[in-house]
PDB file of N, CA and C in Angstrom:
ATOM      1  N   MET A   1    -238.137  10.183  23.285  1.00  0.00           N
ATOM      2  CA  MET A   1    -236.989   9.801  24.070  1.00  0.00           C
ATOM      3  C   MET A   1    -236.378   8.525  23.479  1.00  0.00           C
ATOM      4  N   GLU A   2    -235.089   8.576  23.230  1.00  0.00           N
ATOM      5  CA  GLU A   2    -234.403   7.443  22.636  1.00  0.00           C
ATOM      6  C   GLU A   2    -234.025   6.416  23.691  1.00  0.00           C
ATOM      7  N   THR A   3    -234.068   5.159  23.298  1.00  0.00           N
ATOM      8  CA  THR A   3    -233.633   4.099  24.195  1.00  0.00           C
ATOM      9  C   THR A   3    -232.112   4.026  24.181  1.00  0.00           C
ATOM     10  N   THR A   4    -231.569   3.264  25.097  1.00  0.00           N
ATOM     11  CA  THR A   4    -230.121   3.106  25.167  1.00  0.00           C
ATOM     12  C   THR A   4    -229.593   2.455  23.890  1.00  0.00           C
ATOM     13  N   ARG A   5    -230.324   1.491  23.390  1.00  0.00           N
ATOM     14  CA  ARG A   5    -229.914   0.805  22.153  1.00  0.00           C
ATOM     15  C   ARG A   5    -229.881   1.779  20.981  1.00  0.00           C
ATOM     16  N   GLN A   6    -230.910   2.610  20.845  1.00  0.00           N
ATOM     17  CA  GLN A   6    -230.936   3.599  19.762  1.00  0.00           C
ATOM     18  C   GLN A   6    -229.757   4.555  19.881  1.00  0.00           C
ATOM     19  N   ASP A   7    -229.458   4.971  21.096  1.00  0.00           N
ATOM     20  CA  ASP A   7    -228.360   5.899  21.318  1.00  0.00           C
ATOM     21  C   ASP A   7    -227.022   5.270  20.925  1.00  0.00           C
ATOM     22  N   LYS A   8    -226.812   4.024  21.297  1.00  0.00           N
ATOM     23  CA  LYS A   8    -225.560   3.346  20.953  1.00  0.00           C
ATOM     24  C   LYS A   8    -225.430   3.149  19.448  1.00  0.00           C
ATOM     25  N   VAL A   9    -226.515   2.753  18.802  1.00  0.00           N
ATOM     26  CA  VAL A   9    -226.484   2.564  17.346  1.00  0.00           C
ATOM     27  C   VAL A   9    -226.255   3.898  16.651  1.00  0.00           C
ATOM     28  N   SER A  10    -226.886   4.963  17.143  1.00  0.00           N
ATOM     29  CA  SER A  10    -226.697   6.296  16.556  1.00  0.00           C
ATOM     30  C   SER A  10    -225.242   6.724  16.623  1.00  0.00           C
ATOM     31  N   ARG A  11    -224.630   6.527  17.790  1.00  0.00           N
ATOM     32  CA  ARG A  11    -223.228   6.919  17.943  1.00  0.00           C
ATOM     33  C   ARG A  11    -222.309   6.094  17.054  1.00  0.00           C
ATOM     34  N   LEU A  12    -222.585   4.787  16.946  1.00  0.00           N
ATOM     35  CA  LEU A  12    -221.778   3.923  16.077  1.00  0.00           C
ATOM     36  C   LEU A  12    -221.895   4.364  14.622  1.00  0.00           C
ATOM     37  N   LEU A  13    -223.119   4.614  14.171  1.00  0.00           N
ATOM     38  CA  LEU A  13    -223.328   5.043  12.786  1.00  0.00           C
ATOM     39  C   LEU A  13    -222.693   6.400  12.523  1.00  0.00           C
ATOM     40  N   GLN A  14    -222.781   7.314  13.479  1.00  0.00           N
ATOM     41  CA  GLN A  14    -222.193   8.638  13.299  1.00  0.00           C
ATOM     42  C   GLN A  14    -220.673   8.535  13.153  1.00  0.00           C
ATOM     43  N   LYS A  15    -220.051   7.701  13.962  1.00  0.00           N
ATOM     44  CA  LYS A  15    -218.597   7.530  13.896  1.00  0.00           C
ATOM     45  C   LYS A  15    -218.183   6.934  12.551  1.00  0.00           C
ATOM     46  N   GLU A  16    -218.843   5.864  12.147  1.00  0.00           N
ATOM     47  CA  GLU A  16    -218.463   5.188  10.898  1.00  0.00           C
ATOM     48  C   GLU A  16    -218.791   6.043   9.675  1.00  0.00           C
ATOM     49  N   LEU A  17    -219.955   6.692   9.667  1.00  0.00           N
ATOM     50  CA  LEU A  17    -220.300   7.559   8.536  1.00  0.00           C
ATOM     51  C   LEU A  17    -219.375   8.767   8.472  1.00  0.00           C
ATOM     52  N   GLY A  18    -218.933   9.267   9.620  1.00  0.00           N
ATOM     53  CA  GLY A  18    -217.983  10.374   9.637  1.00  0.00           C
ATOM     54  C   GLY A  18    -216.698  10.007   8.920  1.00  0.00           C
ATOM     55  N   GLU A  19    -216.228   8.782   9.152  1.00  0.00           N
ATOM     56  CA  GLU A  19    -215.021   8.331   8.468  1.00  0.00           C
ATOM     57  C   GLU A  19    -215.266   8.150   6.968  1.00  0.00           C
ATOM     58  N   LEU A  20    -216.441   7.627   6.613  1.00  0.00           N
ATOM     59  CA  LEU A  20    -216.762   7.469   5.189  1.00  0.00           C
ATOM     60  C   LEU A  20    -216.833   8.820   4.479  1.00  0.00           C
ATOM     61  N   PHE A  21    -217.439   9.810   5.134  1.00  0.00           N
ATOM     62  CA  PHE A  21    -217.553  11.127   4.504  1.00  0.00           C
ATOM     63  C   PHE A  21    -216.217  11.864   4.478  1.00  0.00           C
ATOM     64  N   MET A  22    -215.322  11.518   5.386  1.00  0.00           N
ATOM     65  CA  MET A  22    -213.985  12.096   5.332  1.00  0.00           C
ATOM     66  C   MET A  22    -213.281  11.616   4.056  1.00  0.00           C
ATOM     67  N   LEU A  23    -213.444  10.334   3.733  1.00  0.00           N
ATOM     68  CA  LEU A  23    -212.877   9.803   2.490  1.00  0.00           C
ATOM     69  C   LEU A  23    -213.590  10.373   1.269  1.00  0.00           C
ATOM     70  N   PHE A  24    -214.903  10.549   1.362  1.00  0.00           N
ATOM     71  CA  PHE A  24    -215.697  11.114   0.279  1.00  0.00           C
ATOM     72  C   PHE A  24    -215.248  12.543  -0.035  1.00  0.00           C
ATOM     73  N   ALA A  25    -215.025  13.344   1.004  1.00  0.00           N
ATOM     74  CA  ALA A  25    -214.645  14.748   0.811  1.00  0.00           C
ATOM     75  C   ALA A  25    -213.201  14.889   0.354  1.00  0.00           C
ATOM     76  N   ARG A  26    -212.390  13.891   0.628  1.00  0.00           N
ATOM     77  CA  ARG A  26    -210.982  13.956   0.221  1.00  0.00           C
ATOM     78  C   ARG A  26    -210.842  14.023  -1.297  1.00  0.00           C
ATOM     79  N   HIS A  27    -211.785  13.409  -2.028  1.00  0.00           N
ATOM     80  CA  HIS A  27    -211.732  13.404  -3.487  1.00  0.00           C
ATOM     81  C   HIS A  27    -212.277  14.689  -4.100  1.00  0.00           C
ATOM     82  N   ARG A  28    -212.854  15.526  -3.291  1.00  0.00           N
ATOM     83  CA  ARG A  28    -213.388  16.801  -3.764  1.00  0.00           C
ATOM     84  C   ARG A  28    -212.608  17.928  -3.089  1.00  0.00           C
ATOM     85  N   GLN A  29    -211.920  18.710  -3.887  1.00  0.00           N
ATOM     86  CA  GLN A  29    -211.055  19.758  -3.355  1.00  0.00           C
ATOM     87  C   GLN A  29    -211.864  20.883  -2.706  1.00  0.00           C
ATOM     88  N   GLY A  30    -211.445  21.308  -1.535  1.00  0.00           N
ATOM     89  CA  GLY A  30    -212.040  22.465  -0.885  1.00  0.00           C
ATOM     90  C   GLY A  30    -213.409  22.227  -0.281  1.00  0.00           C
ATOM     91  N   VAL A  31    -213.736  20.971   0.062  1.00  0.00           N
ATOM     92  CA  VAL A  31    -215.049  20.652   0.620  1.00  0.00           C
ATOM     93  C   VAL A  31    -214.858  19.949   1.963  1.00  0.00           C
ATOM     94  N   LEU A  32    -215.688  20.327   2.916  1.00  0.00           N
ATOM     95  CA  LEU A  32    -215.680  19.686   4.225  1.00  0.00           C
ATOM     96  C   LEU A  32    -217.098  19.195   4.521  1.00  0.00           C
ATOM     97  N   VAL A  33    -217.238  17.887   4.725  1.00  0.00           N
ATOM     98  CA  VAL A  33    -218.529  17.283   5.035  1.00  0.00           C
ATOM     99  C   VAL A  33    -218.441  16.688   6.434  1.00  0.00           C
ATOM    100  N   THR A  34    -219.377  17.084   7.301  1.00  0.00           N
ATOM    101  CA  THR A  34    -219.388  16.612   8.677  1.00  0.00           C
ATOM    102  C   THR A  34    -220.731  15.976   8.988  1.00  0.00           C
ATOM    103  N   VAL A  35    -220.703  14.823   9.638  1.00  0.00           N
ATOM    104  CA  VAL A  35    -221.922  14.178  10.109  1.00  0.00           C
ATOM    105  C   VAL A  35    -222.206  14.750  11.498  1.00  0.00           C
ATOM    106  N   THR A  36    -223.208  15.623  11.592  1.00  0.00           N
ATOM    107  CA  THR A  36    -223.474  16.298  12.858  1.00  0.00           C
ATOM    108  C   THR A  36    -224.359  15.492  13.789  1.00  0.00           C
ATOM    109  N   GLU A  37    -225.259  14.694  13.221  1.00  0.00           N
ATOM    110  CA  GLU A  37    -226.177  13.937  14.066  1.00  0.00           C
ATOM    111  C   GLU A  37    -226.749  12.767  13.268  1.00  0.00           C
ATOM    112  N   VAL A  38    -227.028  11.676  13.975  1.00  0.00           N
ATOM    113  CA  VAL A  38    -227.715  10.528  13.388  1.00  0.00           C
ATOM    114  C   VAL A  38    -228.858  10.170  14.324  1.00  0.00           C
ATOM    115  N   ARG A  39    -230.066  10.093  13.775  1.00  0.00           N
ATOM    116  CA  ARG A  39    -231.241   9.698  14.553  1.00  0.00           C
ATOM    117  C   ARG A  39    -231.763   8.388  13.982  1.00  0.00           C
ATOM    118  N   VAL A  40    -231.926   7.407  14.863  1.00  0.00           N
ATOM    119  CA  VAL A  40    -232.369   6.085  14.450  1.00  0.00           C
ATOM    120  C   VAL A  40    -233.785   5.869  14.956  1.00  0.00           C
ATOM    121  N   THR A  41    -234.639   5.270  14.109  1.00  0.00           N
ATOM    122  CA  THR A  41    -236.009   4.976  14.524  1.00  0.00           C
ATOM    123  C   THR A  41    -236.000   3.860  15.567  1.00  0.00           C
ATOM    124  N   ALA A  42    -237.134   3.679  16.245  1.00  0.00           N
ATOM    125  CA  ALA A  42    -237.227   2.713  17.339  1.00  0.00           C
ATOM    126  C   ALA A  42    -236.963   1.284  16.886  1.00  0.00           C
ATOM    127  N   ASP A  43    -237.354   0.953  15.654  1.00  0.00           N
ATOM    128  CA  ASP A  43    -237.126  -0.409  15.161  1.00  0.00           C
ATOM    129  C   ASP A  43    -235.778  -0.562  14.450  1.00  0.00           C
ATOM    130  N   LEU A  44    -234.959   0.474  14.473  1.00  0.00           N
ATOM    131  CA  LEU A  44    -233.604   0.490  13.897  1.00  0.00           C
ATOM    132  C   LEU A  44    -233.589   0.231  12.386  1.00  0.00           C
ATOM    133  N   SER A  45    -234.686   0.527  11.717  1.00  0.00           N
ATOM    134  CA  SER A  45    -234.744   0.278  10.275  1.00  0.00           C
ATOM    135  C   SER A  45    -234.382   1.504   9.447  1.00  0.00           C
ATOM    136  N   LEU A  46    -234.427   2.682  10.033  1.00  0.00           N
ATOM    137  CA  LEU A  46    -234.147   3.915   9.308  1.00  0.00           C
ATOM    138  C   LEU A  46    -233.254   4.816  10.153  1.00  0.00           C
ATOM    139  N   ALA A  47    -232.239   5.366   9.514  1.00  0.00           N
ATOM    140  CA  ALA A  47    -231.338   6.308  10.178  1.00  0.00           C
ATOM    141  C   ALA A  47    -231.363   7.613   9.401  1.00  0.00           C
ATOM    142  N   ARG A  48    -231.717   8.694  10.091  1.00  0.00           N
ATOM    143  CA  ARG A  48    -231.671  10.026   9.485  1.00  0.00           C
ATOM    144  C   ARG A  48    -230.308  10.626   9.799  1.00  0.00           C
ATOM    145  N   VAL A  49    -229.562  10.926   8.751  1.00  0.00           N
ATOM    146  CA  VAL A  49    -228.198  11.417   8.880  1.00  0.00           C
ATOM    147  C   VAL A  49    -228.189  12.892   8.518  1.00  0.00           C
ATOM    148  N   PHE A  50    -227.770  13.730   9.462  1.00  0.00           N
ATOM    149  CA  PHE A  50    -227.704  15.171   9.240  1.00  0.00           C
ATOM    150  C   PHE A  50    -226.273  15.553   8.890  1.00  0.00           C
ATOM    151  N   LEU A  51    -226.118  16.217   7.742  1.00  0.00           N
ATOM    152  CA  LEU A  51    -224.804  16.587   7.235  1.00  0.00           C
ATOM    153  C   LEU A  51    -224.632  18.094   7.230  1.00  0.00           C
ATOM    154  N   SER A  52    -223.449  18.522   7.614  1.00  0.00           N
ATOM    155  CA  SER A  52    -223.064  19.920   7.509  1.00  0.00           C
ATOM    156  C   SER A  52    -222.002  20.003   6.421  1.00  0.00           C
ATOM    157  N   ILE A  53    -222.249  20.840   5.424  1.00  0.00           N
ATOM    158  CA  ILE A  53    -221.353  20.924   4.266  1.00  0.00           C
ATOM    159  C   ILE A  53    -220.796  22.342   4.172  1.00  0.00           C
ATOM    160  N   PHE A  54    -219.470  22.417   4.041  1.00  0.00           N
ATOM    161  CA  PHE A  54    -218.793  23.696   3.878  1.00  0.00           C
ATOM    162  C   PHE A  54    -217.971  23.612   2.606  1.00  0.00           C
ATOM    163  N   PRO A  55    -217.984  24.550   1.737  1.00  0.00           N
ATOM    164  CA  PRO A  55    -218.642  25.845   1.726  1.00  0.00           C
ATOM    165  C   PRO A  55    -220.131  25.716   1.381  1.00  0.00           C
ATOM    166  N   THR A  56    -220.884  26.668   1.853  1.00  0.00           N
ATOM    167  CA  THR A  56    -222.336  26.601   1.710  1.00  0.00           C
ATOM    168  C   THR A  56    -222.810  26.755   0.264  1.00  0.00           C
ATOM    169  N   ASN A  57    -222.011  27.351  -0.591  1.00  0.00           N
ATOM    170  CA  ASN A  57    -222.447  27.532  -1.975  1.00  0.00           C
ATOM    171  C   ASN A  57    -222.441  26.217  -2.771  1.00  0.00           C
ATOM    172  N   ARG A  58    -221.843  25.155  -2.213  1.00  0.00           N
ATOM    173  CA  ARG A  58    -221.819  23.856  -2.898  1.00  0.00           C
ATOM    174  C   ARG A  58    -222.713  22.821  -2.209  1.00  0.00           C
ATOM    175  N   GLN A  59    -223.573  23.278  -1.296  1.00  0.00           N
ATOM    176  CA  GLN A  59    -224.408  22.348  -0.534  1.00  0.00           C
ATOM    177  C   GLN A  59    -225.362  21.558  -1.410  1.00  0.00           C
ATOM    178  N   THR A  60    -226.085  22.236  -2.292  1.00  0.00           N
ATOM    179  CA  THR A  60    -227.079  21.525  -3.106  1.00  0.00           C
ATOM    180  C   THR A  60    -226.415  20.527  -4.042  1.00  0.00           C
ATOM    181  N   GLU A  61    -225.309  20.911  -4.624  1.00  0.00           N
ATOM    182  CA  GLU A  61    -224.571  20.020  -5.529  1.00  0.00           C
ATOM    183  C   GLU A  61    -224.120  18.752  -4.798  1.00  0.00           C
ATOM    184  N   LEU A  62    -223.533  18.931  -3.610  1.00  0.00           N
ATOM    185  CA  LEU A  62    -223.028  17.783  -2.869  1.00  0.00           C
ATOM    186  C   LEU A  62    -224.145  16.935  -2.270  1.00  0.00           C
ATOM    187  N   MET A  63    -225.248  17.552  -1.858  1.00  0.00           N
ATOM    188  CA  MET A  63    -226.366  16.767  -1.338  1.00  0.00           C
ATOM    189  C   MET A  63    -226.964  15.894  -2.430  1.00  0.00           C
ATOM    190  N   GLN A  64    -227.043  16.399  -3.649  1.00  0.00           N
ATOM    191  CA  GLN A  64    -227.535  15.588  -4.761  1.00  0.00           C
ATOM    192  C   GLN A  64    -226.595  14.421  -5.032  1.00  0.00           C
ATOM    193  N   LEU A  65    -225.298  14.671  -4.926  1.00  0.00           N
ATOM    194  CA  LEU A  65    -224.308  13.611  -5.121  1.00  0.00           C
ATOM    195  C   LEU A  65    -224.409  12.556  -4.018  1.00  0.00           C
ATOM    196  N   VAL A  66    -224.609  13.006  -2.787  1.00  0.00           N
ATOM    197  CA  VAL A  66    -224.759  12.081  -1.658  1.00  0.00           C
ATOM    198  C   VAL A  66    -226.035  11.255  -1.828  1.00  0.00           C
ATOM    199  N   GLN A  67    -227.135  11.902  -2.209  1.00  0.00           N
ATOM    200  CA  GLN A  67    -228.395  11.190  -2.429  1.00  0.00           C
ATOM    201  C   GLN A  67    -228.245  10.138  -3.524  1.00  0.00           C
ATOM    202  N   ALA A  68    -227.529  10.480  -4.581  1.00  0.00           N
ATOM    203  CA  ALA A  68    -227.337   9.547  -5.685  1.00  0.00           C
ATOM    204  C   ALA A  68    -226.489   8.349  -5.276  1.00  0.00           C
ATOM    205  N   ASN A  69    -225.581   8.548  -4.333  1.00  0.00           N
ATOM    206  CA  ASN A  69    -224.689   7.481  -3.885  1.00  0.00           C
ATOM    207  C   ASN A  69    -225.096   6.889  -2.546  1.00  0.00           C
ATOM    208  N   SER A  70    -226.335   7.067  -2.129  1.00  0.00           N
ATOM    209  CA  SER A  70    -226.753   6.593  -0.804  1.00  0.00           C
ATOM    210  C   SER A  70    -226.647   5.078  -0.667  1.00  0.00           C
ATOM    211  N   LYS A  71    -226.907   4.345  -1.740  1.00  0.00           N
ATOM    212  CA  LYS A  71    -226.780   2.879  -1.697  1.00  0.00           C
ATOM    213  C   LYS A  71    -225.326   2.462  -1.463  1.00  0.00           C
ATOM    214  N   ASN A  72    -224.408   3.188  -2.091  1.00  0.00           N
ATOM    215  CA  ASN A  72    -222.981   2.881  -1.886  1.00  0.00           C
ATOM    216  C   ASN A  72    -222.556   3.170  -0.455  1.00  0.00           C
ATOM    217  N   PHE A  73    -223.058   4.273   0.123  1.00  0.00           N
ATOM    218  CA  PHE A  73    -222.740   4.592   1.513  1.00  0.00           C
ATOM    219  C   PHE A  73    -223.277   3.507   2.450  1.00  0.00           C
ATOM    220  N   ARG A  74    -224.482   3.023   2.175  1.00  0.00           N
ATOM    221  CA  ARG A  74    -225.070   1.978   3.011  1.00  0.00           C
ATOM    222  C   ARG A  74    -224.264   0.678   2.892  1.00  0.00           C
ATOM    223  N   PHE A  75    -223.823   0.353   1.682  1.00  0.00           N
ATOM    224  CA  PHE A  75    -223.011  -0.847   1.478  1.00  0.00           C
ATOM    225  C   PHE A  75    -221.697  -0.759   2.245  1.00  0.00           C
ATOM    226  N   GLU A  76    -221.010   0.374   2.114  1.00  0.00           N
ATOM    227  CA  GLU A  76    -219.741   0.563   2.824  1.00  0.00           C
ATOM    228  C   GLU A  76    -219.947   0.554   4.343  1.00  0.00           C
ATOM    229  N   LEU A  77    -221.042   1.164   4.783  1.00  0.00           N
ATOM    230  CA  LEU A  77    -221.363   1.154   6.206  1.00  0.00           C
ATOM    231  C   LEU A  77    -221.614  -0.275   6.680  1.00  0.00           C
ATOM    232  N   GLY A  78    -222.316  -1.055   5.871  1.00  0.00           N
ATOM    233  CA  GLY A  78    -222.572  -2.453   6.210  1.00  0.00           C
ATOM    234  C   GLY A  78    -221.295  -3.258   6.347  1.00  0.00           C
ATOM    235  N   ASN A  79    -220.321  -2.991   5.496  1.00  0.00           N
ATOM    236  CA  ASN A  79    -219.030  -3.674   5.607  1.00  0.00           C
ATOM    237  C   ASN A  79    -218.316  -3.318   6.901  1.00  0.00           C
ATOM    238  N   ARG A  80    -218.484  -2.094   7.359  1.00  0.00           N
ATOM    239  CA  ARG A  80    -217.799  -1.650   8.571  1.00  0.00           C
ATOM    240  C   ARG A  80    -218.476  -2.124   9.860  1.00  0.00           C
ATOM    241  N   VAL A  81    -219.798  -2.242   9.852  1.00  0.00           N
ATOM    242  CA  VAL A  81    -220.518  -2.567  11.096  1.00  0.00           C
ATOM    243  C   VAL A  81    -221.154  -3.957  11.061  1.00  0.00           C
ATOM    244  N   ARG A  82    -220.706  -4.813  10.172  1.00  0.00           N
ATOM    245  CA  ARG A  82    -221.360  -6.119  10.020  1.00  0.00           C
ATOM    246  C   ARG A  82    -221.246  -7.000  11.254  1.00  0.00           C
ATOM    247  N   HIS A  83    -220.252  -6.766  12.094  1.00  0.00           N
ATOM    248  CA  HIS A  83    -220.109  -7.567  13.308  1.00  0.00           C
ATOM    249  C   HIS A  83    -220.858  -6.961  14.496  1.00  0.00           C
ATOM    250  N   GLN A  84    -221.291  -5.693  14.387  1.00  0.00           N
ATOM    251  CA  GLN A  84    -222.017  -5.052  15.481  1.00  0.00           C
ATOM    252  C   GLN A  84    -223.522  -5.041  15.266  1.00  0.00           C
ATOM    253  N   LEU A  85    -223.964  -4.942  14.018  1.00  0.00           N
ATOM    254  CA  LEU A  85    -225.393  -4.848  13.715  1.00  0.00           C
ATOM    255  C   LEU A  85    -225.816  -5.988  12.793  1.00  0.00           C
ATOM    256  N   ARG A  86    -226.979  -6.530  13.062  1.00  0.00           N
ATOM    257  CA  ARG A  86    -227.496  -7.592  12.202  1.00  0.00           C
ATOM    258  C   ARG A  86    -228.028  -7.007  10.896  1.00  0.00           C
ATOM    259  N   ILE A  87    -228.784  -5.916  11.009  1.00  0.00           N
ATOM    260  CA  ILE A  87    -229.375  -5.267   9.838  1.00  0.00           C
ATOM    261  C   ILE A  87    -228.888  -3.821   9.784  1.00  0.00           C
ATOM    262  N   VAL A  88    -228.401  -3.420   8.635  1.00  0.00           N
ATOM    263  CA  VAL A  88    -227.957  -2.041   8.454  1.00  0.00           C
ATOM    264  C   VAL A  88    -229.177  -1.207   8.085  1.00  0.00           C
ATOM    265  N   PRO A  89    -229.437  -0.127   8.825  1.00  0.00           N
ATOM    266  CA  PRO A  89    -230.637   0.670   8.533  1.00  0.00           C
ATOM    267  C   PRO A  89    -230.533   1.400   7.200  1.00  0.00           C
ATOM    268  N   GLU A  90    -231.708   1.694   6.637  1.00  0.00           N
ATOM    269  CA  GLU A  90    -231.766   2.555   5.451  1.00  0.00           C
ATOM    270  C   GLU A  90    -231.266   3.934   5.865  1.00  0.00           C
ATOM    271  N   LEU A  91    -230.579   4.619   4.959  1.00  0.00           N
ATOM    272  CA  LEU A  91    -230.019   5.929   5.266  1.00  0.00           C
ATOM    273  C   LEU A  91    -230.822   7.016   4.563  1.00  0.00           C
ATOM    274  N   GLU A  92    -231.199   8.014   5.335  1.00  0.00           N
ATOM    275  CA  GLU A  92    -231.901   9.180   4.798  1.00  0.00           C
ATOM    276  C   GLU A  92    -231.043  10.396   5.130  1.00  0.00           C
ATOM    277  N   PHE A  93    -230.509  11.030   4.102  1.00  0.00           N
ATOM    278  CA  PHE A  93    -229.596  12.152   4.309  1.00  0.00           C
ATOM    279  C   PHE A  93    -230.360  13.468   4.286  1.00  0.00           C
ATOM    280  N   ARG A  94    -230.044  14.304   5.260  1.00  0.00           N
ATOM    281  CA  ARG A  94    -230.643  15.641   5.347  1.00  0.00           C
ATOM    282  C   ARG A  94    -229.547  16.662   5.614  1.00  0.00           C
ATOM    283  N   LEU A  95    -229.801  17.858   5.185  1.00  0.00           N
ATOM    284  CA  LEU A  95    -228.862  18.945   5.391  1.00  0.00           C
ATOM    285  C   LEU A  95    -229.091  19.561   6.767  1.00  0.00           C
ATOM    286  N   ASP A  96    -228.033  19.675   7.543  1.00  0.00           N
ATOM    287  CA  ASP A  96    -228.127  20.284   8.863  1.00  0.00           C
ATOM    288  C   ASP A  96    -227.972  21.791   8.701  1.00  0.00           C
ATOM    289  N   GLU A  97    -229.030  22.507   9.003  1.00  0.00           N
ATOM    290  CA  GLU A  97    -229.032  23.957   8.813  1.00  0.00           C
ATOM    291  C   GLU A  97    -228.869  24.721  10.116  1.00  0.00           C
ATOM    292  N   SER A  98    -228.453  24.057  11.171  1.00  0.00           N
ATOM    293  CA  SER A  98    -228.331  24.724  12.463  1.00  0.00           C
ATOM    294  C   SER A  98    -227.245  25.796  12.450  1.00  0.00           C
ATOM    295  N   MET A  99    -226.141  25.562  11.729  1.00  0.00           N
ATOM    296  CA  MET A  99    -225.078  26.574  11.673  1.00  0.00           C
ATOM    297  C   MET A  99    -225.539  27.800  10.893  1.00  0.00           C
ATOM    298  N   ASP A 100    -226.314  27.599   9.838  1.00  0.00           N
ATOM    299  CA  ASP A 100    -226.842  28.732   9.071  1.00  0.00           C
ATOM    300  C   ASP A 100    -227.782  29.570   9.933  1.00  0.00           C
ATOM    301  N   LYS A 101    -228.622  28.896  10.708  1.00  0.00           N
ATOM    302  CA  LYS A 101    -229.536  29.610  11.605  1.00  0.00           C
ATOM    303  C   LYS A 101    -228.760  30.368  12.677  1.00  0.00           C
ATOM    304  N   LEU A 102    -227.704  29.753  13.179  1.00  0.00           N
ATOM    305  CA  LEU A 102    -226.877  30.400  14.192  1.00  0.00           C
ATOM    306  C   LEU A 102    -226.208  31.658  13.635  1.00  0.00           C
ATOM    307  N   GLU A 103    -225.693  31.580  12.419  1.00  0.00           N
ATOM    308  CA  GLU A 103    -225.073  32.747  11.788  1.00  0.00           C
ATOM    309  C   GLU A 103    -226.096  33.849  11.547  1.00  0.00           C
ATOM    310  N   HIS A 104    -227.306  33.465  11.141  1.00  0.00           N
ATOM    311  CA  HIS A 104    -228.364  34.448  10.904  1.00  0.00           C
ATOM    312  C   HIS A 104    -228.738  35.165  12.205  1.00  0.00           C
ATOM    313  N   ILE A 105    -228.858  34.416  13.278  1.00  0.00           N
ATOM    314  CA  ILE A 105    -229.173  35.022  14.585  1.00  0.00           C
ATOM    315  C   ILE A 105    -228.051  35.932  15.022  1.00  0.00           C
ATOM    316  N   ASP A 106    -226.826  35.524  14.801  1.00  0.00           N
ATOM    317  CA  ASP A 106    -225.673  36.336  15.174  1.00  0.00           C
ATOM    318  C   ASP A 106    -225.648  37.641  14.396  1.00  0.00           C
ATOM    319  N   GLU A 107    -225.981  37.588  13.105  1.00  0.00           N
ATOM    320  CA  GLU A 107    -226.039  38.809  12.283  1.00  0.00           C
ATOM    321  C   GLU A 107    -227.142  39.743  12.781  1.00  0.00           C
ATOM    322  N   LEU A 108    -228.284  39.173  13.154  1.00  0.00           N
ATOM    323  CA  LEU A 108    -229.378  40.000  13.656  1.00  0.00           C
ATOM    324  C   LEU A 108    -229.007  40.681  14.976  1.00  0.00           C
ATOM    325  N   LEU A 109    -228.278  39.973  15.813  1.00  0.00           N
ATOM    326  CA  LEU A 109    -227.881  40.555  17.097  1.00  0.00           C
ATOM    327  C   LEU A 109    -226.846  41.652  16.944  1.00  0.00           C
ATOM    328  N   LYS A 110    -226.030  41.592  15.889  1.00  0.00           N
ATOM    329  CA  LYS A 110    -225.005  42.611  15.664  1.00  0.00           C
ATOM    330  C   LYS A 110    -225.587  43.929  15.178  1.00  0.00           C
ATOM    331  N   GLN A 111    -226.801  43.907  14.623  1.00  0.00           N
ATOM    332  CA  GLN A 111    -227.394  45.135  14.074  1.00  0.00           C
ATOM    333  C   GLN A 111    -227.868  46.048  15.149  1.00  0.00           C
TER     334      GLN A 111
END
């Protein structure tokens, strides 16, 4: 169960990272990157960021690019939230596969 502080920090990070990824995807034609969820640890030192990437055939390529630029994302995030947070958490990016699972279940139900 998350505390109120964790919930507020998660929402703040999700909003700011969403804007950063909107700018990131703008430079890549035909790609949509969405921050679906951010989970922050109790000590606020680590944030797990779940990303949904469309089209699915470019997911691995873009996740590798995001992983390679994670320090830059953290720096930009720090510039945006420096007045709200004392310490910017480390970012751990993960692929959100909930939409893929939903599509798979939907296909199974149609059969």
